[in-house]
Amino acid sequence: MVSREEKSLGKSQEKLKRDVERSVLKSADEILNIAEVAIADSQRYRAFRSKVLRSVNDAVREVKKNLDLHYKVVYVPTNEDVIEVQQPRVRS
């Protein structure tokens, strides 16, 4: 049976993976937008884009693999991340 702490670590690690992937892909998208303007030839741009995306995807997979193999991650939410849910009080 998986302990509560192990579940928490697993969720934290998955959140970090998603955050890293989102950040890396956002950067790659911005770089590709700049490159599309800089590289006037659409055929050359497509080849460049393909190589960049392959490299980015390889890097994301490598980071995820290293996190799984070598790290235990604990996510500590900020106040903005914590959402409180209160149940309505029943009046008698």
PDB file of N, CA and C in Angstrom:
ATOM      1  N   MET A   1       0.836  -1.180   0.000  1.00  0.00           N
ATOM      2  CA  MET A   1       0.000   0.000   0.000  1.00  0.00           C
ATOM      3  C   MET A   1       0.883   1.248   0.000  1.00  0.00           C
ATOM      4  N   VAL A   2       0.467   2.226  -0.766  1.00  0.00           N
ATOM      5  CA  VAL A   2       1.231   3.461  -0.888  1.00  0.00           C
ATOM      6  C   VAL A   2       0.854   4.395   0.258  1.00  0.00           C
ATOM      7  N   SER A   3       1.894   4.915   0.929  1.00  0.00           N
ATOM      8  CA  SER A   3       1.637   5.804   2.060  1.00  0.00           C
ATOM      9  C   SER A   3       1.182   7.183   1.576  1.00  0.00           C
ATOM     10  N   ARG A   4       0.648   7.933   2.497  1.00  0.00           N
ATOM     11  CA  ARG A   4       0.184   9.288   2.185  1.00  0.00           C
ATOM     12  C   ARG A   4       1.346  10.167   1.721  1.00  0.00           C
ATOM     13  N   GLU A   5       2.499  10.000   2.384  1.00  0.00           N
ATOM     14  CA  GLU A   5       3.688  10.785   2.024  1.00  0.00           C
ATOM     15  C   GLU A   5       4.147  10.450   0.606  1.00  0.00           C
ATOM     16  N   GLU A   6       4.147   9.168   0.253  1.00  0.00           N
ATOM     17  CA  GLU A   6       4.559   8.763  -1.092  1.00  0.00           C
ATOM     18  C   GLU A   6       3.614   9.318  -2.145  1.00  0.00           C
ATOM     19  N   LYS A   7       2.308   9.333  -1.847  1.00  0.00           N
ATOM     20  CA  LYS A   7       1.334   9.914  -2.775  1.00  0.00           C
ATOM     21  C   LYS A   7       1.611  11.397  -2.975  1.00  0.00           C
ATOM     22  N   SER A   8       1.891  12.083  -1.860  1.00  0.00           N
ATOM     23  CA  SER A   8       2.177  13.512  -1.918  1.00  0.00           C
ATOM     24  C   SER A   8       3.429  13.786  -2.739  1.00  0.00           C
ATOM     25  N   LEU A   9       4.468  12.969  -2.518  1.00  0.00           N
ATOM     26  CA  LEU A   9       5.702  13.122  -3.290  1.00  0.00           C
ATOM     27  C   LEU A   9       5.437  12.884  -4.771  1.00  0.00           C
ATOM     28  N   GLY A  10       4.649  11.868  -5.079  1.00  0.00           N
ATOM     29  CA  GLY A  10       4.332  11.562  -6.471  1.00  0.00           C
ATOM     30  C   GLY A  10       3.589  12.697  -7.147  1.00  0.00           C
ATOM     31  N   LYS A  11       2.608  13.264  -6.446  1.00  0.00           N
ATOM     32  CA  LYS A  11       1.847  14.384  -7.004  1.00  0.00           C
ATOM     33  C   LYS A  11       2.732  15.613  -7.182  1.00  0.00           C
ATOM     34  N   SER A  12       3.611  15.852  -6.209  1.00  0.00           N
ATOM     35  CA  SER A  12       4.522  16.993  -6.302  1.00  0.00           C
ATOM     36  C   SER A  12       5.456  16.842  -7.492  1.00  0.00           C
ATOM     37  N   GLN A  13       5.966  15.640  -7.671  1.00  0.00           N
ATOM     38  CA  GLN A  13       6.888  15.381  -8.772  1.00  0.00           C
ATOM     39  C   GLN A  13       6.181  15.543 -10.119  1.00  0.00           C
ATOM     40  N   GLU A  14       4.957  15.066 -10.223  1.00  0.00           N
ATOM     41  CA  GLU A  14       4.197  15.212 -11.472  1.00  0.00           C
ATOM     42  C   GLU A  14       3.902  16.681 -11.755  1.00  0.00           C
ATOM     43  N   LYS A  15       3.617  17.459 -10.713  1.00  0.00           N
ATOM     44  CA  LYS A  15       3.377  18.890 -10.897  1.00  0.00           C
ATOM     45  C   LYS A  15       4.636  19.566 -11.410  1.00  0.00           C
ATOM     46  N   LEU A  16       5.783  19.225 -10.833  1.00  0.00           N
ATOM     47  CA  LEU A  16       7.036  19.815 -11.289  1.00  0.00           C
ATOM     48  C   LEU A  16       7.300  19.456 -12.746  1.00  0.00           C
ATOM     49  N   LYS A  17       7.051  18.214 -13.121  1.00  0.00           N
ATOM     50  CA  LYS A  17       7.240  17.796 -14.513  1.00  0.00           C
ATOM     51  C   LYS A  17       6.363  18.619 -15.452  1.00  0.00           C
ATOM     52  N   ARG A  18       5.100  18.793 -15.083  1.00  0.00           N
ATOM     53  CA  ARG A  18       4.188  19.592 -15.923  1.00  0.00           C
ATOM     54  C   ARG A  18       4.650  21.040 -16.013  1.00  0.00           C
ATOM     55  N   ASP A  19       5.085  21.605 -14.879  1.00  0.00           N
ATOM     56  CA  ASP A  19       5.539  22.993 -14.866  1.00  0.00           C
ATOM     57  C   ASP A  19       6.789  23.183 -15.718  1.00  0.00           C
ATOM     58  N   VAL A  20       7.736  22.248 -15.611  1.00  0.00           N
ATOM     59  CA  VAL A  20       8.959  22.322 -16.417  1.00  0.00           C
ATOM     60  C   VAL A  20       8.616  22.206 -17.896  1.00  0.00           C
ATOM     61  N   GLU A  21       7.780  21.233 -18.237  1.00  0.00           N
ATOM     62  CA  GLU A  21       7.406  21.038 -19.638  1.00  0.00           C
ATOM     63  C   GLU A  21       6.715  22.282 -20.187  1.00  0.00           C
ATOM     64  N   ARG A  22       5.790  22.839 -19.438  1.00  0.00           N
ATOM     65  CA  ARG A  22       5.065  24.031 -19.875  1.00  0.00           C
ATOM     66  C   ARG A  22       6.032  25.193 -20.113  1.00  0.00           C
ATOM     67  N   SER A  23       6.977  25.387 -19.198  1.00  0.00           N
ATOM     68  CA  SER A  23       7.935  26.482 -19.311  1.00  0.00           C
ATOM     69  C   SER A  23       8.862  26.305 -20.514  1.00  0.00           C
ATOM     70  N   VAL A  24       9.369  25.094 -20.695  1.00  0.00           N
ATOM     71  CA  VAL A  24      10.281  24.823 -21.812  1.00  0.00           C
ATOM     72  C   VAL A  24       9.552  24.974 -23.146  1.00  0.00           C
ATOM     73  N   LEU A  25       8.336  24.450 -23.237  1.00  0.00           N
ATOM     74  CA  LEU A  25       7.580  24.556 -24.486  1.00  0.00           C
ATOM     75  C   LEU A  25       7.197  25.997 -24.793  1.00  0.00           C
ATOM     76  N   LYS A  26       6.898  26.781 -23.765  1.00  0.00           N
ATOM     77  CA  LYS A  26       6.587  28.197 -23.973  1.00  0.00           C
ATOM     78  C   LYS A  26       7.809  28.928 -24.524  1.00  0.00           C
ATOM     79  N   SER A  27       8.977  28.652 -23.956  1.00  0.00           N
ATOM     80  CA  SER A  27      10.212  29.270 -24.452  1.00  0.00           C
ATOM     81  C   SER A  27      10.485  28.862 -25.893  1.00  0.00           C
ATOM     82  N   ALA A  28      10.309  27.585 -26.194  1.00  0.00           N
ATOM     83  CA  ALA A  28      10.533  27.100 -27.558  1.00  0.00           C
ATOM     84  C   ALA A  28       9.577  27.772 -28.529  1.00  0.00           C
ATOM     85  N   ASP A  29       8.326  27.946 -28.124  1.00  0.00           N
ATOM     86  CA  ASP A  29       7.340  28.598 -28.979  1.00  0.00           C
ATOM     87  C   ASP A  29       7.750  30.036 -29.279  1.00  0.00           C
ATOM     88  N   GLU A  30       8.216  30.754 -28.256  1.00  0.00           N
ATOM     89  CA  GLU A  30       8.658  32.132 -28.456  1.00  0.00           C
ATOM     90  C   GLU A  30       9.880  32.192 -29.370  1.00  0.00           C
ATOM     91  N   ILE A  31      10.810  31.272 -29.190  1.00  0.00           N
ATOM     92  CA  ILE A  31      11.999  31.221 -30.049  1.00  0.00           C
ATOM     93  C   ILE A  31      11.600  30.932 -31.487  1.00  0.00           C
ATOM     94  N   LEU A  32      10.682  29.994 -31.676  1.00  0.00           N
ATOM     95  CA  LEU A  32      10.245  29.653 -33.033  1.00  0.00           C
ATOM     96  C   LEU A  32       9.504  30.811 -33.694  1.00  0.00           C
ATOM     97  N   ASN A  33       8.755  31.586 -32.928  1.00  0.00           N
ATOM     98  CA  ASN A  33       8.088  32.757 -33.493  1.00  0.00           C
ATOM     99  C   ASN A  33       9.099  33.777 -33.996  1.00  0.00           C
ATOM    100  N   ILE A  34      10.162  33.992 -33.233  1.00  0.00           N
ATOM    101  CA  ILE A  34      11.223  34.912 -33.652  1.00  0.00           C
ATOM    102  C   ILE A  34      11.943  34.355 -34.872  1.00  0.00           C
ATOM    103  N   ALA A  35      12.235  33.062 -34.850  1.00  0.00           N
ATOM    104  CA  ALA A  35      12.954  32.430 -35.961  1.00  0.00           C
ATOM    105  C   ALA A  35      12.140  32.461 -37.245  1.00  0.00           C
ATOM    106  N   GLU A  36      10.831  32.338 -37.138  1.00  0.00           N
ATOM    107  CA  GLU A  36       9.985  32.350 -38.333  1.00  0.00           C
ATOM    108  C   GLU A  36      10.109  33.678 -39.074  1.00  0.00           C
ATOM    109  N   VAL A  37      10.226  34.758 -38.323  1.00  0.00           N
ATOM    110  CA  VAL A  37      10.410  36.076 -38.932  1.00  0.00           C
ATOM    111  C   VAL A  37      11.824  36.202 -39.495  1.00  0.00           C
ATOM    112  N   ALA A  38      12.805  35.687 -38.766  1.00  0.00           N
ATOM    113  CA  ALA A  38      14.207  35.823 -39.170  1.00  0.00           C
ATOM    114  C   ALA A  38      14.566  34.953 -40.366  1.00  0.00           C
ATOM    115  N   ILE A  39      13.931  33.797 -40.493  1.00  0.00           N
ATOM    116  CA  ILE A  39      14.223  32.881 -41.603  1.00  0.00           C
ATOM    117  C   ILE A  39      13.126  33.076 -42.644  1.00  0.00           C
ATOM    118  N   ALA A  40      13.468  33.774 -43.695  1.00  0.00           N
ATOM    119  CA  ALA A  40      12.466  34.141 -44.705  1.00  0.00           C
ATOM    120  C   ALA A  40      11.981  32.942 -45.523  1.00  0.00           C
ATOM    121  N   ASP A  41      12.844  31.985 -45.739  1.00  0.00           N
ATOM    122  CA  ASP A  41      12.510  30.819 -46.564  1.00  0.00           C
ATOM    123  C   ASP A  41      11.690  29.821 -45.738  1.00  0.00           C
ATOM    124  N   SER A  42      10.438  29.572 -46.147  1.00  0.00           N
ATOM    125  CA  SER A  42       9.559  28.706 -45.356  1.00  0.00           C
ATOM    126  C   SER A  42      10.053  27.263 -45.295  1.00  0.00           C
ATOM    127  N   GLN A  43      10.695  26.793 -46.343  1.00  0.00           N
ATOM    128  CA  GLN A  43      11.212  25.419 -46.340  1.00  0.00           C
ATOM    129  C   GLN A  43      12.349  25.278 -45.320  1.00  0.00           C
ATOM    130  N   ARG A  44      13.237  26.260 -45.287  1.00  0.00           N
ATOM    131  CA  ARG A  44      14.333  26.235 -44.306  1.00  0.00           C
ATOM    132  C   ARG A  44      13.781  26.364 -42.885  1.00  0.00           C
ATOM    133  N   TYR A  45      12.756  27.202 -42.725  1.00  0.00           N
ATOM    134  CA  TYR A  45      12.158  27.367 -41.398  1.00  0.00           C
ATOM    135  C   TYR A  45      11.541  26.058 -40.916  1.00  0.00           C
ATOM    136  N   ARG A  46      10.834  25.353 -41.777  1.00  0.00           N
ATOM    137  CA  ARG A  46      10.210  24.082 -41.374  1.00  0.00           C
ATOM    138  C   ARG A  46      11.264  23.076 -40.913  1.00  0.00           C
ATOM    139  N   ALA A  47      12.387  23.023 -41.633  1.00  0.00           N
ATOM    140  CA  ALA A  47      13.469  22.113 -41.232  1.00  0.00           C
ATOM    141  C   ALA A  47      14.046  22.534 -39.874  1.00  0.00           C
ATOM    142  N   PHE A  48      14.249  23.842 -39.705  1.00  0.00           N
ATOM    143  CA  PHE A  48      14.763  24.372 -38.443  1.00  0.00           C
ATOM    144  C   PHE A  48      13.786  24.073 -37.299  1.00  0.00           C
ATOM    145  N   ARG A  49      12.500  24.329 -37.535  1.00  0.00           N
ATOM    146  CA  ARG A  49      11.455  24.109 -36.542  1.00  0.00           C
ATOM    147  C   ARG A  49      11.431  22.643 -36.102  1.00  0.00           C
ATOM    148  N   SER A  50      11.525  21.753 -37.053  1.00  0.00           N
ATOM    149  CA  SER A  50      11.512  20.325 -36.748  1.00  0.00           C
ATOM    150  C   SER A  50      12.672  19.943 -35.830  1.00  0.00           C
ATOM    151  N   LYS A  51      13.856  20.471 -36.127  1.00  0.00           N
ATOM    152  CA  LYS A  51      15.035  20.158 -35.306  1.00  0.00           C
ATOM    153  C   LYS A  51      14.904  20.744 -33.901  1.00  0.00           C
ATOM    154  N   VAL A  52      14.388  21.964 -33.818  1.00  0.00           N
ATOM    155  CA  VAL A  52      14.216  22.598 -32.506  1.00  0.00           C
ATOM    156  C   VAL A  52      13.213  21.810 -31.666  1.00  0.00           C
ATOM    157  N   LEU A  53      12.075  21.458 -32.258  1.00  0.00           N
ATOM    158  CA  LEU A  53      11.057  20.716 -31.509  1.00  0.00           C
ATOM    159  C   LEU A  53      11.556  19.346 -31.068  1.00  0.00           C
ATOM    160  N   ARG A  54      12.318  18.679 -31.920  1.00  0.00           N
ATOM    161  CA  ARG A  54      12.884  17.377 -31.546  1.00  0.00           C
ATOM    162  C   ARG A  54      13.824  17.545 -30.356  1.00  0.00           C
ATOM    163  N   SER A  55      14.663  18.570 -30.407  1.00  0.00           N
ATOM    164  CA  SER A  55      15.612  18.821 -29.329  1.00  0.00           C
ATOM    165  C   SER A  55      14.897  19.175 -28.022  1.00  0.00           C
ATOM    166  N   VAL A  56      13.874  20.009 -28.118  1.00  0.00           N
ATOM    167  CA  VAL A  56      13.108  20.405 -26.933  1.00  0.00           C
ATOM    168  C   VAL A  56      12.414  19.194 -26.316  1.00  0.00           C
ATOM    169  N   ASN A  57      11.777  18.384 -27.139  1.00  0.00           N
ATOM    170  CA  ASN A  57      11.091  17.195 -26.626  1.00  0.00           C
ATOM    171  C   ASN A  57      12.068  16.215 -25.987  1.00  0.00           C
ATOM    172  N   ASP A  58      13.240  16.056 -26.583  1.00  0.00           N
ATOM    173  CA  ASP A  58      14.271  15.196 -25.989  1.00  0.00           C
ATOM    174  C   ASP A  58      14.704  15.736 -24.626  1.00  0.00           C
ATOM    175  N   ALA A  59      14.875  17.060 -24.539  1.00  0.00           N
ATOM    176  CA  ALA A  59      15.290  17.675 -23.276  1.00  0.00           C
ATOM    177  C   ALA A  59      14.231  17.484 -22.195  1.00  0.00           C
ATOM    178  N   VAL A  60      12.965  17.655 -22.548  1.00  0.00           N
ATOM    179  CA  VAL A  60      11.877  17.469 -21.577  1.00  0.00           C
ATOM    180  C   VAL A  60      11.851  16.024 -21.091  1.00  0.00           C
ATOM    181  N   ARG A  61      11.985  15.075 -22.015  1.00  0.00           N
ATOM    182  CA  ARG A  61      12.002  13.658 -21.616  1.00  0.00           C
ATOM    183  C   ARG A  61      13.182  13.360 -20.696  1.00  0.00           C
ATOM    184  N   GLU A  62      14.333  13.952 -20.972  1.00  0.00           N
ATOM    185  CA  GLU A  62      15.525  13.731 -20.146  1.00  0.00           C
ATOM    186  C   GLU A  62      15.331  14.298 -18.735  1.00  0.00           C
ATOM    187  N   VAL A  63      14.756  15.485 -18.639  1.00  0.00           N
ATOM    188  CA  VAL A  63      14.494  16.081 -17.325  1.00  0.00           C
ATOM    189  C   VAL A  63      13.531  15.207 -16.532  1.00  0.00           C
ATOM    190  N   LYS A  64      12.459  14.753 -17.183  1.00  0.00           N
ATOM    191  CA  LYS A  64      11.482  13.893 -16.501  1.00  0.00           C
ATOM    192  C   LYS A  64      12.127  12.597 -16.021  1.00  0.00           C
ATOM    193  N   LYS A  65      12.983  12.012 -16.854  1.00  0.00           N
ATOM    194  CA  LYS A  65      13.663  10.768 -16.480  1.00  0.00           C
ATOM    195  C   LYS A  65      14.568  11.001 -15.270  1.00  0.00           C
ATOM    196  N   ASN A  66      15.333  12.106 -15.287  1.00  0.00           N
ATOM    197  CA  ASN A  66      16.222  12.408 -14.167  1.00  0.00           C
ATOM    198  C   ASN A  66      15.444  12.681 -12.885  1.00  0.00           C
ATOM    199  N   LEU A  67      14.300  13.344 -12.999  1.00  0.00           N
ATOM    200  CA  LEU A  67      13.466  13.567 -11.814  1.00  0.00           C
ATOM    201  C   LEU A  67      13.014  12.243 -11.220  1.00  0.00           C
ATOM    202  N   ASP A  68      12.584  11.326 -12.088  1.00  0.00           N
ATOM    203  CA  ASP A  68      12.126  10.019 -11.608  1.00  0.00           C
ATOM    204  C   ASP A  68      13.247   9.233 -10.942  1.00  0.00           C
ATOM    205  N   LEU A  69      14.442   9.316 -11.490  1.00  0.00           N
ATOM    206  CA  LEU A  69      15.552   8.499 -10.996  1.00  0.00           C
ATOM    207  C   LEU A  69      16.267   9.079  -9.781  1.00  0.00           C
ATOM    208  N   HIS A  70      16.371  10.408  -9.704  1.00  0.00           N
ATOM    209  CA  HIS A  70      17.294  10.992  -8.737  1.00  0.00           C
ATOM    210  C   HIS A  70      16.694  11.975  -7.732  1.00  0.00           C
ATOM    211  N   TYR A  71      15.410  12.287  -7.832  1.00  0.00           N
ATOM    212  CA  TYR A  71      14.865  13.339  -6.980  1.00  0.00           C
ATOM    213  C   TYR A  71      13.589  12.919  -6.265  1.00  0.00           C
ATOM    214  N   LYS A  72      13.440  13.471  -5.072  1.00  0.00           N
ATOM    215  CA  LYS A  72      12.174  13.423  -4.345  1.00  0.00           C
ATOM    216  C   LYS A  72      11.766  14.882  -4.187  1.00  0.00           C
ATOM    217  N   VAL A  73      10.595  15.202  -4.665  1.00  0.00           N
ATOM    218  CA  VAL A  73      10.159  16.589  -4.737  1.00  0.00           C
ATOM    219  C   VAL A  73       8.939  16.790  -3.853  1.00  0.00           C
ATOM    220  N   VAL A  74       8.952  17.877  -3.092  1.00  0.00           N
ATOM    221  CA  VAL A  74       7.788  18.239  -2.293  1.00  0.00           C
ATOM    222  C   VAL A  74       7.344  19.626  -2.729  1.00  0.00           C
ATOM    223  N   TYR A  75       6.100  19.725  -3.152  1.00  0.00           N
ATOM    224  CA  TYR A  75       5.531  21.004  -3.561  1.00  0.00           C
ATOM    225  C   TYR A  75       4.933  21.686  -2.339  1.00  0.00           C
ATOM    226  N   VAL A  76       5.336  22.921  -2.116  1.00  0.00           N
ATOM    227  CA  VAL A  76       4.799  23.706  -1.012  1.00  0.00           C
ATOM    228  C   VAL A  76       3.999  24.844  -1.635  1.00  0.00           C
ATOM    229  N   PRO A  77       2.665  24.769  -1.573  1.00  0.00           N
ATOM    230  CA  PRO A  77       1.845  25.785  -2.232  1.00  0.00           C
ATOM    231  C   PRO A  77       1.951  27.144  -1.552  1.00  0.00           C
ATOM    232  N   THR A  78       1.843  28.190  -2.366  1.00  0.00           N
ATOM    233  CA  THR A  78       1.785  29.543  -1.823  1.00  0.00           C
ATOM    234  C   THR A  78       0.344  29.821  -1.408  1.00  0.00           C
ATOM    235  N   ASN A  79       0.136  30.933  -0.761  1.00  0.00           N
ATOM    236  CA  ASN A  79      -1.221  31.286  -0.333  1.00  0.00           C
ATOM    237  C   ASN A  79      -2.174  31.374  -1.516  1.00  0.00           C
ATOM    238  N   GLU A  80      -1.684  31.835  -2.658  1.00  0.00           N
ATOM    239  CA  GLU A  80      -2.524  31.957  -3.842  1.00  0.00           C
ATOM    240  C   GLU A  80      -2.935  30.590  -4.379  1.00  0.00           C
ATOM    241  N   ASP A  81      -2.123  29.567  -4.122  1.00  0.00           N
ATOM    242  CA  ASP A  81      -2.411  28.228  -4.620  1.00  0.00           C
ATOM    243  C   ASP A  81      -3.427  27.484  -3.760  1.00  0.00           C
ATOM    244  N   VAL A  82      -3.592  27.928  -2.539  1.00  0.00           N
ATOM    245  CA  VAL A  82      -4.484  27.235  -1.619  1.00  0.00           C
ATOM    246  C   VAL A  82      -5.890  27.816  -1.767  1.00  0.00           C
ATOM    247  N   ILE A  83      -6.810  26.957  -2.087  1.00  0.00           N
ATOM    248  CA  ILE A  83      -8.200  27.377  -2.232  1.00  0.00           C
ATOM    249  C   ILE A  83      -8.996  26.723  -1.111  1.00  0.00           C
ATOM    250  N   GLU A  84      -9.651  27.543  -0.335  1.00  0.00           N
ATOM    251  CA  GLU A  84     -10.439  27.011   0.772  1.00  0.00           C
ATOM    252  C   GLU A  84     -11.872  26.801   0.319  1.00  0.00           C
ATOM    253  N   VAL A  85     -12.416  25.680   0.676  1.00  0.00           N
ATOM    254  CA  VAL A  85     -13.806  25.376   0.375  1.00  0.00           C
ATOM    255  C   VAL A  85     -14.526  25.194   1.701  1.00  0.00           C
ATOM    256  N   GLN A  86     -15.543  25.988   1.898  1.00  0.00           N
ATOM    257  CA  GLN A  86     -16.315  25.875   3.126  1.00  0.00           C
ATOM    258  C   GLN A  86     -17.707  25.381   2.778  1.00  0.00           C
ATOM    259  N   GLN A  87     -18.198  24.466   3.582  1.00  0.00           N
ATOM    260  CA  GLN A  87     -19.553  23.974   3.384  1.00  0.00           C
ATOM    261  C   GLN A  87     -20.514  24.943   4.056  1.00  0.00           C
ATOM    262  N   PRO A  88     -21.659  25.166   3.434  1.00  0.00           N
ATOM    263  CA  PRO A  88     -22.625  26.081   4.045  1.00  0.00           C
ATOM    264  C   PRO A  88     -23.139  25.520   5.369  1.00  0.00           C
ATOM    265  N   ARG A  89     -23.370  26.410   6.292  1.00  0.00           N
ATOM    266  CA  ARG A  89     -23.877  25.998   7.603  1.00  0.00           C
ATOM    267  C   ARG A  89     -25.384  25.809   7.516  1.00  0.00           C
ATOM    268  N   VAL A  90     -25.825  24.786   8.170  1.00  0.00           N
ATOM    269  CA  VAL A  90     -27.259  24.522   8.228  1.00  0.00           C
ATOM    270  C   VAL A  90     -27.804  25.223   9.464  1.00  0.00           C
ATOM    271  N   ARG A  91     -28.755  26.093   9.241  1.00  0.00           N
ATOM    272  CA  ARG A  91     -29.342  26.826  10.375  1.00  0.00           C
ATOM    273  C   ARG A  91     -30.489  26.021  10.968  1.00  0.00           C
ATOM    274  N   SER A  92     -30.509  25.983  12.270  1.00  0.00           N
ATOM    275  CA  SER A  92     -31.595  25.243  12.919  1.00  0.00           C
ATOM    276  C   SER A  92     -32.559  26.149  13.626  1.00  0.00           C
TER     277      SER A  92
END
